[in-house]
Amino acid sequence: MTHLSLRLAVALVTVMASSAALAEWDIPALMQQLAKHPSGRATFTETKTLAVLEQPVVSSGELVYSPPDRLEKHTLKPAPESLVIHGNDLTVVRDGVKRQLRLPQYPEVLAFVEALRGTLVGNRALLEQHYALSLSGTERKWQLALTPLDDRTRRWVKQIKVAGTDKGVNTVETLQADGDKSLITVAPDAR
């Protein structure tokens, strides 16, 4: 085999391998990737854009996830606030006042919570109970769009877009039915 033929053969094998890898990148592959990193800590910055305000509202703090069903969001700035979801219970502490809610009583909130938990652990079945899923991108840079199936949830949420890389989730954008939106940017905790 000539040197040129060998280079062409190597190029062809590389293209075929790349095509096979692209063909394998789908929702089951993403779920497997996400399941590899089921727990952890991260810092976050959340930017809420609300029609009633001229400027976005920006907050930041820490996220903690412990499978299978504990998710904590501790806002440090601009004011301390804590949201802890454990199972079907949501505990909110704001201005020193503690409130507890049962998520099944608020199906639209439960659907949002399940979007986060289902994505974090790579649980496709849980996600598909509440959302139609659409994946774009590649393993190294992907976006999963979650469109609510339930009418009640659609009155509140138009779509949730979760984006990430092969290292995990980077952003969660919630597009509300009223035009408001929230963008949470996630960075792994350096600890």
N, C-alpha and C. Protein backbone atom coordinates (compact mmCIF):
# COMPACT_ATOMS: atom_id res chain seq x y z
N MET A 1 0.85 -1.18 0.00
CA MET A 1 0.00 0.00 0.00
C MET A 1 0.89 1.23 0.00
N THR A 2 0.60 2.17 -0.88
CA THR A 2 1.40 3.38 -0.96
C THR A 2 1.12 4.27 0.24
N HIS A 3 2.01 5.23 0.46
CA HIS A 3 1.86 6.16 1.58
C HIS A 3 0.54 6.94 1.48
N LEU A 4 0.17 7.36 0.26
CA LEU A 4 -1.08 8.09 0.04
C LEU A 4 -2.28 7.20 0.33
N SER A 5 -2.23 5.95 -0.10
CA SER A 5 -3.33 5.01 0.15
C SER A 5 -3.50 4.77 1.64
N LEU A 6 -2.38 4.65 2.34
CA LEU A 6 -2.44 4.44 3.78
C LEU A 6 -3.08 5.63 4.48
N ARG A 7 -2.71 6.86 4.07
CA ARG A 7 -3.29 8.07 4.66
C ARG A 7 -4.79 8.15 4.38
N LEU A 8 -5.19 7.79 3.16
CA LEU A 8 -6.62 7.79 2.82
C LEU A 8 -7.38 6.74 3.64
N ALA A 9 -6.78 5.58 3.83
CA ALA A 9 -7.42 4.53 4.63
C ALA A 9 -7.60 4.99 6.08
N VAL A 10 -6.55 5.61 6.64
CA VAL A 10 -6.63 6.11 8.01
C VAL A 10 -7.71 7.20 8.10
N ALA A 11 -7.76 8.10 7.13
CA ALA A 11 -8.77 9.16 7.13
C ALA A 11 -10.18 8.58 7.06
N LEU A 12 -10.35 7.56 6.21
CA LEU A 12 -11.66 6.92 6.07
C LEU A 12 -12.09 6.25 7.37
N VAL A 13 -11.16 5.54 8.03
CA VAL A 13 -11.48 4.89 9.31
C VAL A 13 -11.83 5.94 10.36
N THR A 14 -11.11 7.06 10.37
CA THR A 14 -11.39 8.14 11.33
C THR A 14 -12.77 8.72 11.10
N VAL A 15 -13.12 8.97 9.84
CA VAL A 15 -14.45 9.51 9.52
C VAL A 15 -15.54 8.52 9.92
N MET A 16 -15.32 7.25 9.65
CA MET A 16 -16.32 6.23 10.01
C MET A 16 -16.48 6.15 11.52
N ALA A 17 -15.37 6.22 12.26
CA ALA A 17 -15.45 6.17 13.73
C ALA A 17 -16.17 7.40 14.26
N SER A 18 -15.88 8.57 13.68
CA SER A 18 -16.57 9.79 14.10
C SER A 18 -18.06 9.71 13.81
N SER A 19 -18.42 9.19 12.66
CA SER A 19 -19.83 9.04 12.30
C SER A 19 -20.54 8.09 13.25
N ALA A 20 -19.87 7.01 13.61
CA ALA A 20 -20.47 6.05 14.55
C ALA A 20 -20.67 6.69 15.91
N ALA A 21 -19.69 7.48 16.36
CA ALA A 21 -19.82 8.16 17.66
C ALA A 21 -20.97 9.15 17.63
N LEU A 22 -21.11 9.89 16.51
CA LEU A 22 -22.22 10.84 16.40
C LEU A 22 -23.56 10.12 16.40
N ALA A 23 -23.63 8.98 15.73
CA ALA A 23 -24.89 8.24 15.65
C ALA A 23 -25.30 7.72 17.02
N GLU A 24 -24.33 7.46 17.90
CA GLU A 24 -24.63 6.93 19.23
C GLU A 24 -25.04 8.01 20.21
N TRP A 25 -24.84 9.29 19.89
CA TRP A 25 -25.18 10.36 20.83
C TRP A 25 -26.68 10.62 20.74
N ASP A 26 -27.40 10.16 21.76
CA ASP A 26 -28.84 10.32 21.81
C ASP A 26 -29.25 10.44 23.27
N ILE A 27 -30.53 10.49 23.52
CA ILE A 27 -31.01 10.67 24.89
C ILE A 27 -30.55 9.55 25.81
N PRO A 28 -30.63 8.26 25.43
CA PRO A 28 -30.10 7.22 26.32
C PRO A 28 -28.61 7.41 26.63
N ALA A 29 -27.83 7.84 25.65
CA ALA A 29 -26.40 8.07 25.89
C ALA A 29 -26.20 9.24 26.86
N LEU A 30 -27.00 10.30 26.72
CA LEU A 30 -26.91 11.43 27.65
C LEU A 30 -27.29 10.97 29.06
N MET A 31 -28.35 10.20 29.19
CA MET A 31 -28.78 9.74 30.51
C MET A 31 -27.69 8.90 31.17
N GLN A 32 -27.01 8.06 30.39
CA GLN A 32 -25.90 7.27 30.93
C GLN A 32 -24.77 8.18 31.40
N GLN A 33 -24.48 9.19 30.62
CA GLN A 33 -23.42 10.13 30.98
C GLN A 33 -23.77 10.86 32.28
N LEU A 34 -25.00 11.34 32.39
CA LEU A 34 -25.43 12.07 33.58
C LEU A 34 -25.43 11.17 34.82
N ALA A 35 -25.79 9.92 34.65
CA ALA A 35 -25.84 8.99 35.78
C ALA A 35 -24.47 8.73 36.38
N LYS A 36 -23.41 9.04 35.65
CA LYS A 36 -22.05 8.85 36.16
C LYS A 36 -21.70 9.86 37.24
N HIS A 37 -22.42 10.98 37.29
CA HIS A 37 -22.13 12.06 38.25
C HIS A 37 -23.39 12.40 39.04
N PRO A 38 -23.93 11.45 39.79
CA PRO A 38 -25.25 11.67 40.38
C PRO A 38 -25.31 12.61 41.58
N SER A 39 -24.20 12.85 42.26
CA SER A 39 -24.28 13.72 43.43
C SER A 39 -23.18 14.76 43.36
N GLY A 40 -23.33 15.79 44.18
CA GLY A 40 -22.27 16.77 44.22
C GLY A 40 -22.71 18.13 44.70
N ARG A 41 -21.74 19.01 44.72
CA ARG A 41 -21.92 20.40 45.12
C ARG A 41 -21.52 21.30 43.96
N ALA A 42 -22.17 22.42 43.89
CA ALA A 42 -21.83 23.39 42.86
C ALA A 42 -22.22 24.77 43.34
N THR A 43 -21.56 25.77 42.80
CA THR A 43 -22.00 27.14 43.03
C THR A 43 -22.91 27.51 41.88
N PHE A 44 -23.78 28.49 42.11
CA PHE A 44 -24.69 28.91 41.05
C PHE A 44 -24.83 30.41 41.04
N THR A 45 -25.19 30.90 39.88
CA THR A 45 -25.65 32.28 39.71
C THR A 45 -26.95 32.17 38.95
N GLU A 46 -27.99 32.80 39.49
CA GLU A 46 -29.30 32.78 38.84
C GLU A 46 -29.67 34.19 38.41
N THR A 47 -30.06 34.31 37.16
CA THR A 47 -30.51 35.60 36.63
C THR A 47 -31.96 35.44 36.22
N LYS A 48 -32.85 36.18 36.91
CA LYS A 48 -34.27 36.15 36.59
C LYS A 48 -34.63 37.42 35.84
N THR A 49 -35.25 37.22 34.68
CA THR A 49 -35.72 38.34 33.88
C THR A 49 -37.23 38.36 33.97
N LEU A 50 -37.76 39.40 34.61
CA LEU A 50 -39.19 39.51 34.87
C LEU A 50 -39.76 40.73 34.16
N ALA A 51 -40.90 40.57 33.54
CA ALA A 51 -41.53 41.67 32.79
C ALA A 51 -41.83 42.87 33.67
N VAL A 52 -42.10 42.66 34.95
CA VAL A 52 -42.48 43.75 35.84
C VAL A 52 -41.29 44.55 36.35
N LEU A 53 -40.06 44.09 36.05
CA LEU A 53 -38.86 44.79 36.51
C LEU A 53 -38.03 45.26 35.33
N GLU A 54 -37.39 46.42 35.50
CA GLU A 54 -36.55 46.95 34.43
C GLU A 54 -35.22 46.22 34.33
N GLN A 55 -34.69 45.76 35.45
CA GLN A 55 -33.40 45.08 35.49
C GLN A 55 -33.58 43.64 35.95
N PRO A 56 -32.75 42.73 35.46
CA PRO A 56 -32.81 41.35 35.94
C PRO A 56 -32.45 41.27 37.42
N VAL A 57 -32.97 40.27 38.08
CA VAL A 57 -32.64 39.99 39.48
C VAL A 57 -31.58 38.90 39.48
N VAL A 58 -30.44 39.17 40.12
CA VAL A 58 -29.33 38.21 40.13
C VAL A 58 -29.10 37.74 41.56
N SER A 59 -28.99 36.43 41.71
CA SER A 59 -28.68 35.84 43.02
C SER A 59 -27.61 34.79 42.83
N SER A 60 -26.96 34.39 43.93
CA SER A 60 -25.93 33.37 43.84
C SER A 60 -25.84 32.61 45.14
N GLY A 61 -25.24 31.43 45.06
CA GLY A 61 -25.10 30.60 46.24
C GLY A 61 -24.58 29.22 45.91
N GLU A 62 -25.10 28.22 46.61
CA GLU A 62 -24.61 26.86 46.49
C GLU A 62 -25.76 25.89 46.25
N LEU A 63 -25.50 24.90 45.40
CA LEU A 63 -26.43 23.80 45.15
C LEU A 63 -25.80 22.52 45.68
N VAL A 64 -26.63 21.66 46.29
CA VAL A 64 -26.17 20.36 46.77
C VAL A 64 -27.19 19.33 46.33
N TYR A 65 -26.71 18.25 45.72
CA TYR A 65 -27.61 17.18 45.32
C TYR A 65 -27.13 15.86 45.91
N SER A 66 -28.04 15.17 46.59
CA SER A 66 -27.77 13.86 47.16
C SER A 66 -28.85 12.91 46.67
N PRO A 67 -28.49 11.96 45.79
CA PRO A 67 -29.49 11.03 45.27
C PRO A 67 -30.10 10.19 46.39
N PRO A 68 -31.31 9.73 46.24
CA PRO A 68 -32.05 9.84 45.00
C PRO A 68 -32.95 11.08 44.92
N ASP A 69 -33.18 11.77 46.05
CA ASP A 69 -34.23 12.79 45.98
C ASP A 69 -34.02 14.01 46.88
N ARG A 70 -32.77 14.33 47.21
CA ARG A 70 -32.52 15.52 48.03
C ARG A 70 -31.77 16.56 47.19
N LEU A 71 -32.36 17.73 47.10
CA LEU A 71 -31.79 18.84 46.35
C LEU A 71 -31.87 20.08 47.24
N GLU A 72 -30.74 20.76 47.39
CA GLU A 72 -30.68 21.95 48.24
C GLU A 72 -30.19 23.13 47.40
N LYS A 73 -30.83 24.26 47.61
CA LYS A 73 -30.41 25.51 46.97
C LYS A 73 -30.28 26.55 48.07
N HIS A 74 -29.03 26.91 48.35
CA HIS A 74 -28.75 27.89 49.41
C HIS A 74 -28.29 29.19 48.76
N THR A 75 -29.18 30.16 48.74
CA THR A 75 -28.85 31.47 48.17
C THR A 75 -28.12 32.27 49.24
N LEU A 76 -26.99 32.84 48.86
CA LEU A 76 -26.20 33.64 49.78
C LEU A 76 -26.32 35.13 49.49
N LYS A 77 -26.42 35.48 48.19
CA LYS A 77 -26.54 36.88 47.78
C LYS A 77 -27.73 37.01 46.84
N PRO A 78 -28.48 38.06 46.85
CA PRO A 78 -28.33 39.27 47.66
C PRO A 78 -28.82 39.10 49.09
N ALA A 79 -29.65 38.08 49.35
CA ALA A 79 -30.14 37.84 50.71
C ALA A 79 -30.19 36.33 50.94
N PRO A 80 -29.88 35.90 52.16
CA PRO A 80 -29.91 34.47 52.45
C PRO A 80 -31.31 33.86 52.28
N GLU A 81 -31.33 32.70 51.65
CA GLU A 81 -32.57 31.95 51.47
C GLU A 81 -32.16 30.49 51.28
N SER A 82 -32.98 29.60 51.80
CA SER A 82 -32.68 28.18 51.68
C SER A 82 -33.91 27.43 51.19
N LEU A 83 -33.72 26.62 50.15
CA LEU A 83 -34.77 25.72 49.67
C LEU A 83 -34.20 24.31 49.75
N VAL A 84 -34.88 23.44 50.46
CA VAL A 84 -34.44 22.06 50.57
C VAL A 84 -35.60 21.16 50.15
N ILE A 85 -35.34 20.34 49.15
CA ILE A 85 -36.32 19.38 48.68
C ILE A 85 -35.82 18.01 49.09
N HIS A 86 -36.64 17.31 49.83
CA HIS A 86 -36.31 15.93 50.23
C HIS A 86 -37.55 15.09 50.00
N GLY A 87 -37.45 14.18 49.05
CA GLY A 87 -38.63 13.40 48.70
C GLY A 87 -39.70 14.31 48.15
N ASN A 88 -40.87 14.29 48.76
CA ASN A 88 -41.98 15.14 48.32
C ASN A 88 -42.17 16.36 49.20
N ASP A 89 -41.18 16.67 50.03
CA ASP A 89 -41.28 17.82 50.92
C ASP A 89 -40.35 18.94 50.48
N LEU A 90 -40.87 20.16 50.48
CA LEU A 90 -40.09 21.35 50.18
C LEU A 90 -40.09 22.23 51.41
N THR A 91 -38.90 22.57 51.90
CA THR A 91 -38.76 23.47 53.03
C THR A 91 -38.06 24.73 52.55
N VAL A 92 -38.69 25.87 52.81
CA VAL A 92 -38.15 27.17 52.41
C VAL A 92 -37.90 27.97 53.68
N VAL A 93 -36.69 28.52 53.79
CA VAL A 93 -36.37 29.41 54.90
C VAL A 93 -35.95 30.74 54.30
N ARG A 94 -36.77 31.77 54.59
CA ARG A 94 -36.53 33.11 54.07
C ARG A 94 -36.84 34.10 55.17
N ASP A 95 -35.93 35.05 55.39
CA ASP A 95 -36.10 36.06 56.44
C ASP A 95 -36.38 35.42 57.80
N GLY A 96 -35.75 34.29 58.07
CA GLY A 96 -35.92 33.61 59.35
C GLY A 96 -37.22 32.85 59.50
N VAL A 97 -38.05 32.87 58.47
CA VAL A 97 -39.35 32.19 58.52
C VAL A 97 -39.25 30.89 57.72
N LYS A 98 -39.66 29.80 58.37
CA LYS A 98 -39.60 28.48 57.74
C LYS A 98 -41.00 28.07 57.29
N ARG A 99 -41.09 27.66 56.01
CA ARG A 99 -42.36 27.17 55.46
C ARG A 99 -42.12 25.80 54.86
N GLN A 100 -43.10 24.93 55.02
CA GLN A 100 -42.99 23.60 54.45
C GLN A 100 -44.19 23.34 53.53
N LEU A 101 -43.89 22.72 52.38
CA LEU A 101 -44.92 22.39 51.41
C LEU A 101 -44.79 20.92 51.03
N ARG A 102 -45.90 20.31 50.70
CA ARG A 102 -45.91 18.96 50.15
C ARG A 102 -46.03 19.11 48.64
N LEU A 103 -45.03 18.66 47.92
CA LEU A 103 -44.99 18.86 46.47
C LEU A 103 -46.18 18.26 45.72
N PRO A 104 -46.71 17.11 46.10
CA PRO A 104 -47.87 16.59 45.36
C PRO A 104 -49.08 17.55 45.35
N GLN A 105 -49.13 18.48 46.29
CA GLN A 105 -50.21 19.46 46.31
C GLN A 105 -49.99 20.57 45.28
N TYR A 106 -48.78 20.62 44.71
CA TYR A 106 -48.42 21.64 43.73
C TYR A 106 -47.79 20.93 42.52
N PRO A 107 -48.61 20.30 41.67
CA PRO A 107 -48.07 19.48 40.58
C PRO A 107 -47.13 20.22 39.63
N GLU A 108 -47.37 21.52 39.40
CA GLU A 108 -46.50 22.26 38.50
C GLU A 108 -45.12 22.46 39.11
N VAL A 109 -45.04 22.64 40.43
CA VAL A 109 -43.75 22.74 41.12
C VAL A 109 -43.06 21.38 41.14
N LEU A 110 -43.84 20.33 41.40
CA LEU A 110 -43.29 18.97 41.41
C LEU A 110 -42.70 18.63 40.04
N ALA A 111 -43.37 19.01 38.97
CA ALA A 111 -42.86 18.73 37.63
C ALA A 111 -41.51 19.43 37.41
N PHE A 112 -41.36 20.66 37.90
CA PHE A 112 -40.09 21.38 37.77
C PHE A 112 -39.00 20.68 38.59
N VAL A 113 -39.34 20.29 39.80
CA VAL A 113 -38.39 19.58 40.66
C VAL A 113 -37.94 18.28 40.02
N GLU A 114 -38.88 17.55 39.44
CA GLU A 114 -38.54 16.28 38.79
C GLU A 114 -37.68 16.51 37.55
N ALA A 115 -37.84 17.65 36.89
CA ALA A 115 -36.97 17.98 35.76
C ALA A 115 -35.53 18.08 36.23
N LEU A 116 -35.32 18.73 37.36
CA LEU A 116 -33.97 18.86 37.90
C LEU A 116 -33.43 17.52 38.39
N ARG A 117 -34.22 16.85 39.23
CA ARG A 117 -33.73 15.58 39.78
C ARG A 117 -33.53 14.54 38.69
N GLY A 118 -34.47 14.45 37.77
CA GLY A 118 -34.37 13.47 36.69
C GLY A 118 -33.16 13.70 35.82
N THR A 119 -32.86 14.97 35.55
CA THR A 119 -31.69 15.28 34.73
C THR A 119 -30.41 14.98 35.49
N LEU A 120 -30.35 15.38 36.75
CA LEU A 120 -29.13 15.19 37.53
C LEU A 120 -28.72 13.72 37.67
N VAL A 121 -29.68 12.82 37.76
CA VAL A 121 -29.34 11.39 37.91
C VAL A 121 -29.47 10.62 36.61
N GLY A 122 -29.87 11.29 35.53
CA GLY A 122 -30.02 10.60 34.25
C GLY A 122 -31.19 9.64 34.24
N ASN A 123 -32.32 10.05 34.82
CA ASN A 123 -33.50 9.19 34.90
C ASN A 123 -34.49 9.59 33.81
N ARG A 124 -34.35 8.96 32.66
CA ARG A 124 -35.20 9.27 31.52
C ARG A 124 -36.68 8.99 31.81
N ALA A 125 -36.96 7.87 32.46
CA ALA A 125 -38.36 7.51 32.75
C ALA A 125 -39.03 8.58 33.60
N LEU A 126 -38.33 9.10 34.59
CA LEU A 126 -38.88 10.16 35.44
C LEU A 126 -39.14 11.42 34.62
N LEU A 127 -38.20 11.79 33.77
CA LEU A 127 -38.38 12.98 32.93
C LEU A 127 -39.57 12.83 32.00
N GLU A 128 -39.70 11.64 31.39
CA GLU A 128 -40.77 11.43 30.41
C GLU A 128 -42.15 11.31 31.05
N GLN A 129 -42.23 11.22 32.36
CA GLN A 129 -43.53 11.28 33.03
C GLN A 129 -44.13 12.68 32.92
N HIS A 130 -43.25 13.68 32.79
CA HIS A 130 -43.69 15.07 32.82
C HIS A 130 -43.38 15.86 31.55
N TYR A 131 -42.41 15.38 30.74
CA TYR A 131 -41.91 16.20 29.63
C TYR A 131 -41.69 15.40 28.36
N ALA A 132 -41.82 16.10 27.23
CA ALA A 132 -41.32 15.59 25.95
C ALA A 132 -39.86 16.03 25.90
N LEU A 133 -38.95 15.13 25.51
CA LEU A 133 -37.53 15.42 25.53
C LEU A 133 -37.00 15.62 24.11
N SER A 134 -36.10 16.58 23.96
CA SER A 134 -35.46 16.82 22.68
C SER A 134 -34.00 17.16 22.94
N LEU A 135 -33.09 16.40 22.34
CA LEU A 135 -31.66 16.59 22.55
C LEU A 135 -31.00 17.15 21.30
N SER A 136 -30.12 18.13 21.48
CA SER A 136 -29.33 18.65 20.37
C SER A 136 -27.88 18.76 20.82
N GLY A 137 -26.99 18.87 19.85
CA GLY A 137 -25.57 19.02 20.16
C GLY A 137 -24.83 17.71 20.12
N THR A 138 -23.68 17.71 20.81
CA THR A 138 -22.81 16.55 20.86
C THR A 138 -22.54 16.19 22.31
N GLU A 139 -21.84 15.10 22.52
CA GLU A 139 -21.50 14.68 23.87
C GLU A 139 -20.71 15.76 24.61
N ARG A 140 -19.89 16.48 23.90
CA ARG A 140 -19.05 17.51 24.53
C ARG A 140 -19.79 18.82 24.79
N LYS A 141 -20.88 19.05 24.07
CA LYS A 141 -21.67 20.27 24.26
C LYS A 141 -23.10 19.98 23.81
N TRP A 142 -24.00 19.80 24.77
CA TRP A 142 -25.36 19.36 24.46
C TRP A 142 -26.39 20.27 25.11
N GLN A 143 -27.63 20.15 24.61
CA GLN A 143 -28.76 20.84 25.22
C GLN A 143 -29.96 19.90 25.18
N LEU A 144 -30.57 19.73 26.34
CA LEU A 144 -31.77 18.91 26.48
C LEU A 144 -32.94 19.85 26.73
N ALA A 145 -33.92 19.84 25.82
CA ALA A 145 -35.12 20.67 25.97
C ALA A 145 -36.22 19.79 26.55
N LEU A 146 -36.86 20.30 27.61
CA LEU A 146 -37.95 19.59 28.27
C LEU A 146 -39.22 20.43 28.09
N THR A 147 -40.18 19.88 27.37
CA THR A 147 -41.43 20.58 27.11
C THR A 147 -42.53 19.87 27.90
N PRO A 148 -43.23 20.60 28.79
CA PRO A 148 -44.23 19.97 29.65
C PRO A 148 -45.33 19.26 28.85
N LEU A 149 -45.75 18.10 29.37
CA LEU A 149 -46.84 17.35 28.77
C LEU A 149 -48.19 17.74 29.37
N ASP A 150 -48.19 18.14 30.62
CA ASP A 150 -49.41 18.42 31.36
C ASP A 150 -49.89 19.86 31.12
N ASP A 151 -51.19 20.03 30.88
CA ASP A 151 -51.76 21.37 30.63
C ASP A 151 -51.51 22.31 31.80
N ARG A 152 -51.67 21.81 33.02
CA ARG A 152 -51.48 22.67 34.19
C ARG A 152 -50.05 23.19 34.27
N THR A 153 -49.08 22.32 34.00
CA THR A 153 -47.68 22.74 34.02
C THR A 153 -47.39 23.70 32.88
N ARG A 154 -47.97 23.47 31.69
CA ARG A 154 -47.75 24.36 30.54
C ARG A 154 -48.27 25.77 30.78
N ARG A 155 -49.26 25.92 31.66
CA ARG A 155 -49.74 27.27 32.00
C ARG A 155 -48.68 28.04 32.77
N TRP A 156 -47.73 27.32 33.37
CA TRP A 156 -46.69 27.94 34.18
C TRP A 156 -45.35 27.94 33.45
N VAL A 157 -44.96 26.81 32.85
CA VAL A 157 -43.66 26.65 32.21
C VAL A 157 -43.83 26.32 30.74
N LYS A 158 -43.19 27.11 29.89
CA LYS A 158 -43.21 26.83 28.45
C LYS A 158 -42.19 25.73 28.12
N GLN A 159 -40.97 25.89 28.65
CA GLN A 159 -39.93 24.92 28.38
C GLN A 159 -38.78 25.10 29.37
N ILE A 160 -38.10 24.00 29.65
CA ILE A 160 -36.87 24.03 30.45
C ILE A 160 -35.75 23.52 29.54
N LYS A 161 -34.67 24.30 29.48
CA LYS A 161 -33.53 23.91 28.66
C LYS A 161 -32.34 23.68 29.59
N VAL A 162 -31.84 22.45 29.57
CA VAL A 162 -30.69 22.08 30.38
C VAL A 162 -29.53 21.88 29.42
N ALA A 163 -28.42 22.57 29.67
CA ALA A 163 -27.25 22.46 28.78
C ALA A 163 -26.05 22.04 29.59
N GLY A 164 -25.16 21.33 28.91
CA GLY A 164 -23.96 20.88 29.60
C GLY A 164 -22.91 20.35 28.66
N THR A 165 -21.94 19.71 29.27
CA THR A 165 -20.83 19.10 28.54
C THR A 165 -20.66 17.68 29.05
N ASP A 166 -19.61 17.03 28.60
CA ASP A 166 -19.33 15.68 29.09
C ASP A 166 -18.95 15.70 30.57
N LYS A 167 -18.76 16.87 31.16
CA LYS A 167 -18.44 17.01 32.59
C LYS A 167 -19.69 17.17 33.45
N GLY A 168 -20.84 17.47 32.84
CA GLY A 168 -22.07 17.62 33.59
C GLY A 168 -22.89 18.83 33.16
N VAL A 169 -23.86 19.19 33.98
CA VAL A 169 -24.78 20.28 33.69
C VAL A 169 -24.10 21.63 33.92
N ASN A 170 -24.29 22.56 32.97
CA ASN A 170 -23.74 23.92 33.08
C ASN A 170 -24.81 24.96 33.32
N THR A 171 -25.97 24.81 32.66
CA THR A 171 -27.03 25.80 32.80
C THR A 171 -28.40 25.13 32.82
N VAL A 172 -29.32 25.79 33.50
CA VAL A 172 -30.73 25.40 33.47
C VAL A 172 -31.51 26.68 33.21
N GLU A 173 -32.18 26.73 32.06
CA GLU A 173 -32.97 27.90 31.69
C GLU A 173 -34.43 27.52 31.70
N THR A 174 -35.21 28.29 32.44
CA THR A 174 -36.65 28.06 32.50
C THR A 174 -37.35 29.20 31.78
N LEU A 175 -38.10 28.85 30.75
CA LEU A 175 -38.88 29.83 30.00
C LEU A 175 -40.32 29.70 30.47
N GLN A 176 -40.82 30.72 31.12
CA GLN A 176 -42.17 30.66 31.66
C GLN A 176 -43.20 31.03 30.61
N ALA A 177 -44.40 30.57 30.81
CA ALA A 177 -45.48 30.82 29.85
C ALA A 177 -45.79 32.31 29.72
N ASP A 178 -45.56 33.09 30.78
CA ASP A 178 -45.85 34.53 30.76
C ASP A 178 -44.72 35.36 30.15
N GLY A 179 -43.65 34.71 29.67
CA GLY A 179 -42.54 35.42 29.06
C GLY A 179 -41.37 35.67 29.99
N ASP A 180 -41.55 35.51 31.30
CA ASP A 180 -40.44 35.64 32.23
C ASP A 180 -39.50 34.46 32.05
N LYS A 181 -38.24 34.62 32.49
CA LYS A 181 -37.32 33.50 32.39
C LYS A 181 -36.29 33.55 33.51
N SER A 182 -35.70 32.40 33.74
CA SER A 182 -34.67 32.25 34.75
C SER A 182 -33.53 31.45 34.13
N LEU A 183 -32.30 31.93 34.34
CA LEU A 183 -31.12 31.21 33.87
C LEU A 183 -30.22 30.94 35.06
N ILE A 184 -30.03 29.66 35.37
CA ILE A 184 -29.12 29.26 36.44
C ILE A 184 -27.85 28.73 35.79
N THR A 185 -26.73 29.37 36.12
CA THR A 185 -25.42 28.93 35.64
C THR A 185 -24.75 28.19 36.79
N VAL A 186 -24.27 26.99 36.50
CA VAL A 186 -23.74 26.10 37.52
C VAL A 186 -22.23 25.92 37.29
N ALA A 187 -21.46 25.98 38.38
CA ALA A 187 -20.02 25.70 38.31
C ALA A 187 -19.68 24.72 39.42
N PRO A 188 -18.94 23.65 39.11
CA PRO A 188 -18.58 22.69 40.15
C PRO A 188 -17.89 23.39 41.32
N ASP A 189 -18.20 22.93 42.52
CA ASP A 189 -17.58 23.48 43.73
C ASP A 189 -16.10 23.10 43.73
N ALA A 190 -15.24 24.05 44.06
CA ALA A 190 -13.80 23.81 44.04
C ALA A 190 -13.33 22.97 45.22
N ARG A 191 -14.21 22.74 46.20
CA ARG A 191 -13.78 21.95 47.38
C ARG A 191 -13.46 20.54 47.03
